[in-house]
Amino acid sequence: MSSRLTVRTARPLCRSNLSLRLCLLCGLALLLPLCATAQPASPLMLANVYTPGIRLDDYWVSEKLDGVRGYWDGEKLLTRGGIPVAAPAWFTRGWPKVPLDGELWAGRGKFNETSATVRQQIPDDAAWRDIRFMVFDLPAHPAVFSERIPVLQALVTHLNLPWVQMVRQSRVPDQATLQNMMERTVAQGGEGLMLHRGSSHYRAERNDDLLKLKPYEDAEATVIAHLPGQGKYSGMMGALLVQMPGGLQFRIGTGFSDAERRQPPPVGSQVTYRFNGLHPSGIPRFASFMRERNELAGSP
């Protein structure tokens, strides 16, 4: 409506095709700020699984942080699903007016603490003191990743906030060095490694420019039923019946604590499970529960 009003008001001044085009451009220029603020959060670059044989000299390597994906759109902090994060005002005060891609992280082995803090609608100031925003990319920057790294480092250095840090990026010469780095990271409590192609532009999709390397595979599935337990698990949940994105259903019966069996992830929620390859039917082999993925289920 506002677009038609702007052009109609300007029309008496447009005496030629050239002036008409100028008038239209002026009207669009007035509308662009409104369109920009109305856009949803940009989708994020997602990783494929690493397979041996790629040219490692094309990639930068960093630790895969086991936290909650965070996206700063230049004004507000969002989860991977675009849900606003209720961080304390001091946490994002002074952040730049450009998008940042990173991980909200409290340290190795502290996913549950991080997730609980990020999900709260009324921020727990003391809990947020343990959270860091580990930044690893600039989604709106036009340069390739190798050129984005120093720009991001300069930005983080200029911010000079202890809770905003840049994820360390390094190069590895060969597969053996990469494998040793992964094993050392996991032994120290890390989850694995990320590989980012240095010549890649930021593409908001799942692609081979970003790869994850872990000692096991993992994926998400939707809980569709709670199956009753038997024996020592009598009266508790024995297994989750879950559905993969393609529609296949299977059971997850291991990896749960007794507390999780007493209060299992609700039907309709998404859970992350680990597994070792697939059966010919496509069902994951040796699926084991890892955690409920609250930030993927529509809440922070």
C-alpha atoms as a PDB file:
ATOM      1  CA  MET A   1       0.000   0.000   0.000  1.00  0.00           C
ATOM      2  CA  SER A   2       2.758   2.417   0.932  1.00  0.00           C
ATOM      3  CA  SER A   3       4.579   1.633  -2.340  1.00  0.00           C
ATOM      4  CA  ARG A   4       1.582   2.699  -4.485  1.00  0.00           C
ATOM      5  CA  LEU A   5       1.043   5.839  -2.402  1.00  0.00           C
ATOM      6  CA  THR A   6       4.672   6.942  -2.838  1.00  0.00           C
ATOM      7  CA  VAL A   7       4.647   6.507  -6.623  1.00  0.00           C
ATOM      8  CA  ARG A   8       1.229   8.158  -7.058  1.00  0.00           C
ATOM      9  CA  THR A   9       2.292  11.250  -5.081  1.00  0.00           C
ATOM     10  CA  ALA A  10       5.484  11.624  -7.139  1.00  0.00           C
ATOM     11  CA  ARG A  11       3.847  11.031 -10.558  1.00  0.00           C
ATOM     12  CA  PRO A  12       3.154  14.711 -11.480  1.00  0.00           C
ATOM     13  CA  LEU A  13       6.897  15.384 -11.381  1.00  0.00           C
ATOM     14  CA  CYS A  14       7.732  12.517 -13.774  1.00  0.00           C
ATOM     15  CA  ARG A  15       7.686  14.161 -17.240  1.00  0.00           C
ATOM     16  CA  SER A  16       9.746  11.520 -19.056  1.00  0.00           C
ATOM     17  CA  ASN A  17      10.673   7.881 -18.921  1.00  0.00           C
ATOM     18  CA  LEU A  18      13.951   8.800 -17.234  1.00  0.00           C
ATOM     19  CA  SER A  19      12.288  10.888 -14.561  1.00  0.00           C
ATOM     20  CA  LEU A  20       9.704   8.162 -14.042  1.00  0.00           C
ATOM     21  CA  ARG A  21      12.448   5.650 -13.360  1.00  0.00           C
ATOM     22  CA  LEU A  22      14.070   8.089 -10.928  1.00  0.00           C
ATOM     23  CA  CYS A  23      10.775   8.537  -9.111  1.00  0.00           C
ATOM     24  CA  LEU A  24      10.304   4.798  -8.805  1.00  0.00           C
ATOM     25  CA  LEU A  25      13.825   4.395  -7.455  1.00  0.00           C
ATOM     26  CA  CYS A  26      13.195   7.094  -4.875  1.00  0.00           C
ATOM     27  CA  GLY A  27      10.034   5.336  -3.750  1.00  0.00           C
ATOM     28  CA  LEU A  28      11.883   2.023  -3.418  1.00  0.00           C
ATOM     29  CA  ALA A  29      14.674   3.701  -1.471  1.00  0.00           C
ATOM     30  CA  LEU A  30      12.133   4.926   1.064  1.00  0.00           C
ATOM     31  CA  LEU A  31      10.665   1.441   1.390  1.00  0.00           C
ATOM     32  CA  LEU A  32      13.916  -0.549   1.696  1.00  0.00           C
ATOM     33  CA  PRO A  33      14.525   0.196   5.406  1.00  0.00           C
ATOM     34  CA  LEU A  34      11.001  -0.975   6.197  1.00  0.00           C
ATOM     35  CA  CYS A  35      11.466  -4.164   4.168  1.00  0.00           C
ATOM     36  CA  ALA A  36      14.800  -4.888   5.865  1.00  0.00           C
ATOM     37  CA  THR A  37      13.375  -4.686   9.376  1.00  0.00           C
ATOM     38  CA  ALA A  38      10.465  -6.926   8.364  1.00  0.00           C
ATOM     39  CA  GLN A  39      12.688  -9.802   7.186  1.00  0.00           C
ATOM     40  CA  PRO A  40      13.088 -12.883   9.428  1.00  0.00           C
ATOM     41  CA  ALA A  41      16.484 -13.905  10.735  1.00  0.00           C
ATOM     42  CA  SER A  42      18.764 -15.209   8.024  1.00  0.00           C
ATOM     43  CA  PRO A  43      19.112 -18.996   7.913  1.00  0.00           C
ATOM     44  CA  LEU A  44      22.514 -20.322   8.890  1.00  0.00           C
ATOM     45  CA  MET A  45      25.199 -22.345   7.165  1.00  0.00           C
ATOM     46  CA  LEU A  46      24.899 -25.984   8.246  1.00  0.00           C
ATOM     47  CA  ALA A  47      27.534 -28.701   8.125  1.00  0.00           C
ATOM     48  CA  ASN A  48      27.755 -31.989   6.298  1.00  0.00           C
ATOM     49  CA  VAL A  49      29.645 -34.956   7.747  1.00  0.00           C
ATOM     50  CA  TYR A  50      33.371 -35.160   7.010  1.00  0.00           C
ATOM     51  CA  THR A  51      34.573 -38.077   4.882  1.00  0.00           C
ATOM     52  CA  PRO A  52      38.260 -38.883   4.307  1.00  0.00           C
ATOM     53  CA  GLY A  53      39.740 -37.925   0.974  1.00  0.00           C
ATOM     54  CA  ILE A  54      39.028 -34.201   0.799  1.00  0.00           C
ATOM     55  CA  ARG A  55      41.865 -31.727   0.194  1.00  0.00           C
ATOM     56  CA  LEU A  56      42.687 -30.692   3.753  1.00  0.00           C
ATOM     57  CA  ASP A  57      44.783 -27.745   2.633  1.00  0.00           C
ATOM     58  CA  ASP A  58      41.527 -26.142   1.447  1.00  0.00           C
ATOM     59  CA  TYR A  59      40.099 -26.075   4.990  1.00  0.00           C
ATOM     60  CA  TRP A  60      40.465 -24.307   8.326  1.00  0.00           C
ATOM     61  CA  VAL A  61      39.913 -26.495  11.404  1.00  0.00           C
ATOM     62  CA  SER A  62      38.382 -25.565  14.754  1.00  0.00           C
ATOM     63  CA  GLU A  63      36.866 -27.337  17.747  1.00  0.00           C
ATOM     64  CA  LYS A  64      33.189 -28.267  17.474  1.00  0.00           C
ATOM     65  CA  LEU A  65      31.633 -26.609  20.496  1.00  0.00           C
ATOM     66  CA  ASP A  66      28.827 -28.440  22.265  1.00  0.00           C
ATOM     67  CA  GLY A  67      26.591 -25.467  22.974  1.00  0.00           C
ATOM     68  CA  VAL A  68      23.542 -23.682  21.571  1.00  0.00           C
ATOM     69  CA  ARG A  69      23.889 -22.099  18.127  1.00  0.00           C
ATOM     70  CA  GLY A  70      23.526 -18.344  18.381  1.00  0.00           C
ATOM     71  CA  TYR A  71      22.819 -15.822  15.625  1.00  0.00           C
ATOM     72  CA  TRP A  72      23.201 -12.079  16.217  1.00  0.00           C
ATOM     73  CA  ASP A  73      21.255 -10.301  13.459  1.00  0.00           C
ATOM     74  CA  GLY A  74      22.728  -6.893  14.259  1.00  0.00           C
ATOM     75  CA  GLU A  75      20.000  -6.036  16.763  1.00  0.00           C
ATOM     76  CA  LYS A  76      18.973  -9.139  18.675  1.00  0.00           C
ATOM     77  CA  LEU A  77      20.257 -12.587  19.619  1.00  0.00           C
ATOM     78  CA  LEU A  78      18.423 -15.588  18.157  1.00  0.00           C
ATOM     79  CA  THR A  79      18.643 -19.372  18.267  1.00  0.00           C
ATOM     80  CA  ARG A  80      19.213 -21.515  15.189  1.00  0.00           C
ATOM     81  CA  GLY A  81      15.425 -21.706  14.812  1.00  0.00           C
ATOM     82  CA  GLY A  82      15.022 -17.907  14.915  1.00  0.00           C
ATOM     83  CA  ILE A  83      13.664 -17.769  18.476  1.00  0.00           C
ATOM     84  CA  PRO A  84      14.764 -14.660  20.432  1.00  0.00           C
ATOM     85  CA  VAL A  85      17.174 -15.384  23.287  1.00  0.00           C
ATOM     86  CA  ALA A  86      16.369 -13.521  26.523  1.00  0.00           C
ATOM     87  CA  ALA A  87      19.968 -12.627  27.352  1.00  0.00           C
ATOM     88  CA  PRO A  88      20.681  -9.931  29.955  1.00  0.00           C
ATOM     89  CA  ALA A  89      21.004  -6.450  28.470  1.00  0.00           C
ATOM     90  CA  TRP A  90      24.681  -6.236  29.445  1.00  0.00           C
ATOM     91  CA  PHE A  91      25.484  -9.400  27.480  1.00  0.00           C
ATOM     92  CA  THR A  92      24.774  -7.843  24.056  1.00  0.00           C
ATOM     93  CA  ARG A  93      25.389  -4.182  24.907  1.00  0.00           C
ATOM     94  CA  GLY A  94      27.757  -2.616  22.376  1.00  0.00           C
ATOM     95  CA  TRP A  95      27.626  -5.494  19.901  1.00  0.00           C
ATOM     96  CA  PRO A  96      28.065  -4.414  16.250  1.00  0.00           C
ATOM     97  CA  LYS A  97      25.209  -3.725  13.856  1.00  0.00           C
ATOM     98  CA  VAL A  98      26.289  -6.623  11.636  1.00  0.00           C
ATOM     99  CA  PRO A  99      25.276 -10.316  11.775  1.00  0.00           C
ATOM    100  CA  LEU A 100      27.453 -12.710  13.772  1.00  0.00           C
ATOM    101  CA  ASP A 101      27.294 -16.509  13.710  1.00  0.00           C
ATOM    102  CA  GLY A 102      28.520 -18.376  16.764  1.00  0.00           C
ATOM    103  CA  GLU A 103      27.860 -20.695  19.685  1.00  0.00           C
ATOM    104  CA  LEU A 104      26.535 -19.891  23.147  1.00  0.00           C
ATOM    105  CA  TRP A 105      28.851 -22.041  25.236  1.00  0.00           C
ATOM    106  CA  ALA A 106      29.665 -22.588  28.904  1.00  0.00           C
ATOM    107  CA  GLY A 107      32.559 -24.992  28.383  1.00  0.00           C
ATOM    108  CA  ARG A 108      33.186 -28.607  27.499  1.00  0.00           C
ATOM    109  CA  GLY A 109      30.631 -31.049  28.859  1.00  0.00           C
ATOM    110  CA  LYS A 110      28.207 -28.288  29.916  1.00  0.00           C
ATOM    111  CA  PHE A 111      25.565 -28.451  27.210  1.00  0.00           C
ATOM    112  CA  ASN A 112      22.718 -29.041  29.674  1.00  0.00           C
ATOM    113  CA  GLU A 113      23.692 -26.005  31.758  1.00  0.00           C
ATOM    114  CA  THR A 114      24.009 -23.864  28.634  1.00  0.00           C
ATOM    115  CA  SER A 115      20.689 -25.013  27.203  1.00  0.00           C
ATOM    116  CA  ALA A 116      18.859 -24.423  30.499  1.00  0.00           C
ATOM    117  CA  THR A 117      20.271 -20.898  30.764  1.00  0.00           C
ATOM    118  CA  VAL A 118      19.464 -19.962  27.171  1.00  0.00           C
ATOM    119  CA  ARG A 119      15.882 -21.310  27.407  1.00  0.00           C
ATOM    120  CA  GLN A 120      14.901 -19.128  30.351  1.00  0.00           C
ATOM    121  CA  GLN A 121      12.545 -16.303  29.422  1.00  0.00           C
ATOM    122  CA  ILE A 122      13.657 -14.291  32.473  1.00  0.00           C
ATOM    123  CA  PRO A 123      17.452 -14.339  32.299  1.00  0.00           C
ATOM    124  CA  ASP A 124      19.404 -15.647  35.278  1.00  0.00           C
ATOM    125  CA  ASP A 125      22.151 -13.053  35.518  1.00  0.00           C
ATOM    126  CA  ALA A 126      24.485 -15.279  37.521  1.00  0.00           C
ATOM    127  CA  ALA A 127      24.087 -18.193  35.060  1.00  0.00           C
ATOM    128  CA  TRP A 128      24.754 -15.927  32.088  1.00  0.00           C
ATOM    129  CA  ARG A 129      28.097 -14.930  33.651  1.00  0.00           C
ATOM    130  CA  ASP A 130      29.277 -18.440  32.711  1.00  0.00           C
ATOM    131  CA  ILE A 131      28.126 -18.169  29.082  1.00  0.00           C
ATOM    132  CA  ARG A 132      30.388 -17.055  26.255  1.00  0.00           C
ATOM    133  CA  PHE A 133      29.428 -16.189  22.712  1.00  0.00           C
ATOM    134  CA  MET A 134      32.038 -18.020  20.652  1.00  0.00           C
ATOM    135  CA  VAL A 135      31.949 -16.319  17.247  1.00  0.00           C
ATOM    136  CA  PHE A 136      33.063 -18.172  14.129  1.00  0.00           C
ATOM    137  CA  ASP A 137      31.667 -16.295  11.125  1.00  0.00           C
ATOM    138  CA  LEU A 138      30.298 -13.099   9.581  1.00  0.00           C
ATOM    139  CA  PRO A 139      27.221 -14.176   7.561  1.00  0.00           C
ATOM    140  CA  ALA A 140      26.743 -10.870   5.708  1.00  0.00           C
ATOM    141  CA  HIS A 141      30.400 -10.277   4.796  1.00  0.00           C
ATOM    142  CA  PRO A 142      31.028 -10.712   1.034  1.00  0.00           C
ATOM    143  CA  ALA A 143      34.606 -12.060   1.271  1.00  0.00           C
ATOM    144  CA  VAL A 144      35.657 -15.712   1.366  1.00  0.00           C
ATOM    145  CA  PHE A 145      36.184 -17.384   4.741  1.00  0.00           C
ATOM    146  CA  SER A 146      39.982 -16.984   4.802  1.00  0.00           C
ATOM    147  CA  GLU A 147      39.469 -13.230   4.391  1.00  0.00           C
ATOM    148  CA  ARG A 148      36.606 -13.086   6.883  1.00  0.00           C
ATOM    149  CA  ILE A 149      38.791 -14.520   9.668  1.00  0.00           C
ATOM    150  CA  PRO A 150      41.008 -11.418  10.207  1.00  0.00           C
ATOM    151  CA  VAL A 151      37.987  -9.104   9.890  1.00  0.00           C
ATOM    152  CA  LEU A 152      36.175 -11.109  12.573  1.00  0.00           C
ATOM    153  CA  GLN A 153      39.268 -11.155  14.789  1.00  0.00           C
ATOM    154  CA  ALA A 154      39.579  -7.365  14.547  1.00  0.00           C
ATOM    155  CA  LEU A 155      35.894  -6.959  15.398  1.00  0.00           C
ATOM    156  CA  VAL A 156      36.111  -9.202  18.475  1.00  0.00           C
ATOM    157  CA  THR A 157      39.315  -7.471  19.614  1.00  0.00           C
ATOM    158  CA  HIS A 158      37.644  -4.078  19.250  1.00  0.00           C
ATOM    159  CA  LEU A 159      34.632  -5.235  21.299  1.00  0.00           C
ATOM    160  CA  ASN A 160      36.993  -6.220  24.130  1.00  0.00           C
ATOM    161  CA  LEU A 161      34.335  -8.196  26.010  1.00  0.00           C
ATOM    162  CA  PRO A 162      35.500 -11.318  27.888  1.00  0.00           C
ATOM    163  CA  TRP A 163      32.250 -13.147  27.093  1.00  0.00           C
ATOM    164  CA  VAL A 164      32.609 -12.588  23.310  1.00  0.00           C
ATOM    165  CA  GLN A 165      35.476 -14.644  21.910  1.00  0.00           C
ATOM    166  CA  MET A 166      36.526 -15.856  18.503  1.00  0.00           C
ATOM    167  CA  VAL A 167      36.765 -19.580  17.816  1.00  0.00           C
ATOM    168  CA  ARG A 168      40.390 -20.434  17.062  1.00  0.00           C
ATOM    169  CA  GLN A 169      41.002 -21.514  13.474  1.00  0.00           C
ATOM    170  CA  SER A 170      44.075 -23.468  12.340  1.00  0.00           C
ATOM    171  CA  ARG A 171      45.393 -25.489   9.420  1.00  0.00           C
ATOM    172  CA  VAL A 172      46.339 -29.176   9.386  1.00  0.00           C
ATOM    173  CA  PRO A 173      48.712 -30.718   6.812  1.00  0.00           C
ATOM    174  CA  ASP A 174      47.331 -34.252   6.543  1.00  0.00           C
ATOM    175  CA  GLN A 175      44.760 -36.829   7.636  1.00  0.00           C
ATOM    176  CA  ALA A 176      46.944 -38.243  10.431  1.00  0.00           C
ATOM    177  CA  THR A 177      47.361 -34.807  12.029  1.00  0.00           C
ATOM    178  CA  LEU A 178      43.618 -34.186  11.749  1.00  0.00           C
ATOM    179  CA  GLN A 179      42.811 -37.528  13.381  1.00  0.00           C
ATOM    180  CA  ASN A 180      45.270 -36.871  16.217  1.00  0.00           C
ATOM    181  CA  MET A 181      43.762 -33.434  16.750  1.00  0.00           C
ATOM    182  CA  MET A 182      40.269 -34.905  16.908  1.00  0.00           C
ATOM    183  CA  GLU A 183      41.284 -37.653  19.361  1.00  0.00           C
ATOM    184  CA  ARG A 184      43.096 -35.154  21.582  1.00  0.00           C
ATOM    185  CA  THR A 185      40.070 -32.819  21.572  1.00  0.00           C
ATOM    186  CA  VAL A 186      37.656 -35.626  22.478  1.00  0.00           C
ATOM    187  CA  ALA A 187      39.995 -36.918  25.219  1.00  0.00           C
ATOM    188  CA  GLN A 188      39.922 -33.437  26.758  1.00  0.00           C
ATOM    189  CA  GLY A 189      36.110 -33.399  26.808  1.00  0.00           C
ATOM    190  CA  GLY A 190      35.429 -31.825  23.423  1.00  0.00           C
ATOM    191  CA  GLU A 191      32.860 -33.064  20.941  1.00  0.00           C
ATOM    192  CA  GLY A 192      34.924 -33.100  17.759  1.00  0.00           C
ATOM    193  CA  LEU A 193      36.114 -30.765  15.003  1.00  0.00           C
ATOM    194  CA  MET A 194      34.699 -28.441  12.358  1.00  0.00           C
ATOM    195  CA  LEU A 195      36.302 -27.910   8.943  1.00  0.00           C
ATOM    196  CA  HIS A 196      35.534 -24.723   6.986  1.00  0.00           C
ATOM    197  CA  ARG A 197      36.628 -24.265   3.376  1.00  0.00           C
ATOM    198  CA  GLY A 198      38.833 -21.183   3.136  1.00  0.00           C
ATOM    199  CA  SER A 199      37.702 -20.229  -0.372  1.00  0.00           C
ATOM    200  CA  SER A 200      33.981 -20.375   0.455  1.00  0.00           C
ATOM    201  CA  HIS A 201      31.463 -17.564   0.688  1.00  0.00           C
ATOM    202  CA  TYR A 202      28.819 -17.759   3.407  1.00  0.00           C
ATOM    203  CA  ARG A 203      25.938 -19.832   2.029  1.00  0.00           C
ATOM    204  CA  ALA A 204      22.877 -20.245   4.230  1.00  0.00           C
ATOM    205  CA  GLU A 205      22.367 -23.926   3.498  1.00  0.00           C
ATOM    206  CA  ARG A 206      23.837 -27.327   4.313  1.00  0.00           C
ATOM    207  CA  ASN A 207      26.888 -27.859   2.133  1.00  0.00           C
ATOM    208  CA  ASP A 208      30.437 -29.249   1.989  1.00  0.00           C
ATOM    209  CA  ASP A 209      32.005 -25.842   2.673  1.00  0.00           C
ATOM    210  CA  LEU A 210      31.375 -26.694   6.336  1.00  0.00           C
ATOM    211  CA  LEU A 211      32.069 -30.200   7.672  1.00  0.00           C
ATOM    212  CA  LYS A 212      31.873 -31.842  11.096  1.00  0.00           C
ATOM    213  CA  LEU A 213      34.171 -34.598  12.299  1.00  0.00           C
ATOM    214  CA  LYS A 214      33.260 -36.599  15.410  1.00  0.00           C
ATOM    215  CA  PRO A 215      34.049 -40.103  16.697  1.00  0.00           C
ATOM    216  CA  TYR A 216      30.403 -41.006  16.074  1.00  0.00           C
ATOM    217  CA  GLU A 217      27.510 -39.814  13.924  1.00  0.00           C
ATOM    218  CA  ASP A 218      24.518 -38.017  15.366  1.00  0.00           C
ATOM    219  CA  ALA A 219      21.163 -36.779  14.093  1.00  0.00           C
ATOM    220  CA  GLU A 220      17.796 -35.473  15.258  1.00  0.00           C
ATOM    221  CA  ALA A 221      14.450 -37.268  15.386  1.00  0.00           C
ATOM    222  CA  THR A 222      10.950 -36.447  16.633  1.00  0.00           C
ATOM    223  CA  VAL A 223       9.492 -38.274  19.640  1.00  0.00           C
ATOM    224  CA  ILE A 224       6.173 -39.904  18.715  1.00  0.00           C
ATOM    225  CA  ALA A 225       5.607 -42.227  21.722  1.00  0.00           C
ATOM    226  CA  HIS A 226       6.938 -43.364  25.103  1.00  0.00           C
ATOM    227  CA  LEU A 227       7.298 -47.129  25.378  1.00  0.00           C
ATOM    228  CA  PRO A 228       6.907 -48.573  28.902  1.00  0.00           C
ATOM    229  CA  GLY A 229       9.903 -50.013  30.737  1.00  0.00           C
ATOM    230  CA  GLN A 230      10.238 -53.469  32.218  1.00  0.00           C
ATOM    231  CA  GLY A 231      12.205 -54.996  35.082  1.00  0.00           C
ATOM    232  CA  LYS A 232      14.229 -52.306  36.888  1.00  0.00           C
ATOM    233  CA  TYR A 233      12.634 -49.703  34.606  1.00  0.00           C
ATOM    234  CA  SER A 234       9.082 -50.791  35.440  1.00  0.00           C
ATOM    235  CA  GLY A 235       6.913 -47.706  35.895  1.00  0.00           C
ATOM    236  CA  MET A 236       9.323 -45.607  33.857  1.00  0.00           C
ATOM    237  CA  MET A 237       9.955 -45.007  30.182  1.00  0.00           C
ATOM    238  CA  GLY A 238      11.738 -47.954  28.620  1.00  0.00           C
ATOM    239  CA  ALA A 239      12.379 -46.500  25.167  1.00  0.00           C
ATOM    240  CA  LEU A 240      11.415 -43.643  22.893  1.00  0.00           C
ATOM    241  CA  LEU A 241       9.687 -44.332  19.618  1.00  0.00           C
ATOM    242  CA  VAL A 242      11.006 -41.663  17.267  1.00  0.00           C
ATOM    243  CA  GLN A 243      10.597 -40.673  13.646  1.00  0.00           C
ATOM    244  CA  MET A 244      13.333 -39.540  11.288  1.00  0.00           C
ATOM    245  CA  PRO A 245      12.720 -36.608   8.894  1.00  0.00           C
ATOM    246  CA  GLY A 246      12.149 -39.074   6.050  1.00  0.00           C
ATOM    247  CA  GLY A 247       9.388 -40.872   7.985  1.00  0.00           C
ATOM    248  CA  LEU A 248      11.255 -43.980   9.211  1.00  0.00           C
ATOM    249  CA  GLN A 249      10.502 -44.927  12.812  1.00  0.00           C
ATOM    250  CA  PHE A 250      12.741 -46.698  15.324  1.00  0.00           C
ATOM    251  CA  ARG A 251      13.350 -47.090  19.033  1.00  0.00           C
ATOM    252  CA  ILE A 252      15.966 -45.458  21.239  1.00  0.00           C
ATOM    253  CA  GLY A 253      16.351 -47.459  24.438  1.00  0.00           C
ATOM    254  CA  THR A 254      19.818 -46.580  25.765  1.00  0.00           C
ATOM    255  CA  GLY A 255      21.666 -43.487  26.921  1.00  0.00           C
ATOM    256  CA  PHE A 256      19.028 -42.302  29.411  1.00  0.00           C
ATOM    257  CA  SER A 257      19.563 -41.468  33.063  1.00  0.00           C
ATOM    258  CA  ASP A 258      16.948 -42.666  35.577  1.00  0.00           C
ATOM    259  CA  ALA A 259      15.740 -39.062  35.873  1.00  0.00           C
ATOM    260  CA  GLU A 260      15.237 -38.882  32.100  1.00  0.00           C
ATOM    261  CA  ARG A 261      13.335 -42.166  32.173  1.00  0.00           C
ATOM    262  CA  ARG A 262      11.030 -40.772  34.885  1.00  0.00           C
ATOM    263  CA  GLN A 263      10.503 -37.557  32.925  1.00  0.00           C
ATOM    264  CA  PRO A 264      11.285 -38.324  29.273  1.00  0.00           C
ATOM    265  CA  PRO A 265      11.302 -35.796  26.439  1.00  0.00           C
ATOM    266  CA  PRO A 266       7.665 -35.041  25.566  1.00  0.00           C
ATOM    267  CA  VAL A 267       5.922 -36.362  22.489  1.00  0.00           C
ATOM    268  CA  GLY A 268       6.494 -33.901  19.655  1.00  0.00           C
ATOM    269  CA  SER A 269       9.879 -32.754  20.917  1.00  0.00           C
ATOM    270  CA  GLN A 270      13.128 -33.298  19.043  1.00  0.00           C
ATOM    271  CA  VAL A 271      15.990 -35.336  20.448  1.00  0.00           C
ATOM    272  CA  THR A 272      19.573 -35.852  19.377  1.00  0.00           C
ATOM    273  CA  TYR A 273      20.884 -39.416  19.230  1.00  0.00           C
ATOM    274  CA  ARG A 274      24.225 -40.922  18.314  1.00  0.00           C
ATOM    275  CA  PHE A 275      24.645 -43.986  16.142  1.00  0.00           C
ATOM    276  CA  ASN A 276      27.170 -46.059  14.184  1.00  0.00           C
ATOM    277  CA  GLY A 277      26.086 -46.247  10.569  1.00  0.00           C
ATOM    278  CA  LEU A 278      22.794 -47.426   9.106  1.00  0.00           C
ATOM    279  CA  HIS A 279      21.106 -50.772   8.551  1.00  0.00           C
ATOM    280  CA  PRO A 280      20.167 -51.592   4.918  1.00  0.00           C
ATOM    281  CA  SER A 281      16.653 -50.448   5.827  1.00  0.00           C
ATOM    282  CA  GLY A 282      17.982 -46.978   6.678  1.00  0.00           C
ATOM    283  CA  ILE A 283      17.434 -47.384  10.428  1.00  0.00           C
ATOM    284  CA  PRO A 284      20.366 -46.131  12.569  1.00  0.00           C
ATOM    285  CA  ARG A 285      22.562 -48.834  14.131  1.00  0.00           C
ATOM    286  CA  PHE A 286      23.117 -48.786  17.923  1.00  0.00           C
ATOM    287  CA  ALA A 287      21.132 -45.567  18.418  1.00  0.00           C
ATOM    288  CA  SER A 288      21.718 -44.019  21.842  1.00  0.00           C
ATOM    289  CA  PHE A 289      20.013 -40.972  23.358  1.00  0.00           C
ATOM    290  CA  MET A 290      22.125 -37.846  23.809  1.00  0.00           C
ATOM    291  CA  ARG A 291      19.781 -35.000  24.727  1.00  0.00           C
ATOM    292  CA  GLU A 292      16.552 -33.189  24.022  1.00  0.00           C
ATOM    293  CA  ARG A 293      17.155 -30.446  21.451  1.00  0.00           C
ATOM    294  CA  ASN A 294      14.962 -27.715  22.903  1.00  0.00           C
ATOM    295  CA  GLU A 295      16.309 -24.966  20.657  1.00  0.00           C
ATOM    296  CA  LEU A 296      15.345 -27.029  17.580  1.00  0.00           C
ATOM    297  CA  ALA A 297      11.831 -27.661  18.852  1.00  0.00           C
ATOM    298  CA  GLY A 298      10.716 -24.038  18.727  1.00  0.00           C
ATOM    299  CA  SER A 299      11.959 -22.745  22.076  1.00  0.00           C
ATOM    300  CA  PRO A 300      15.401 -21.325  22.947  1.00  0.00           C
END
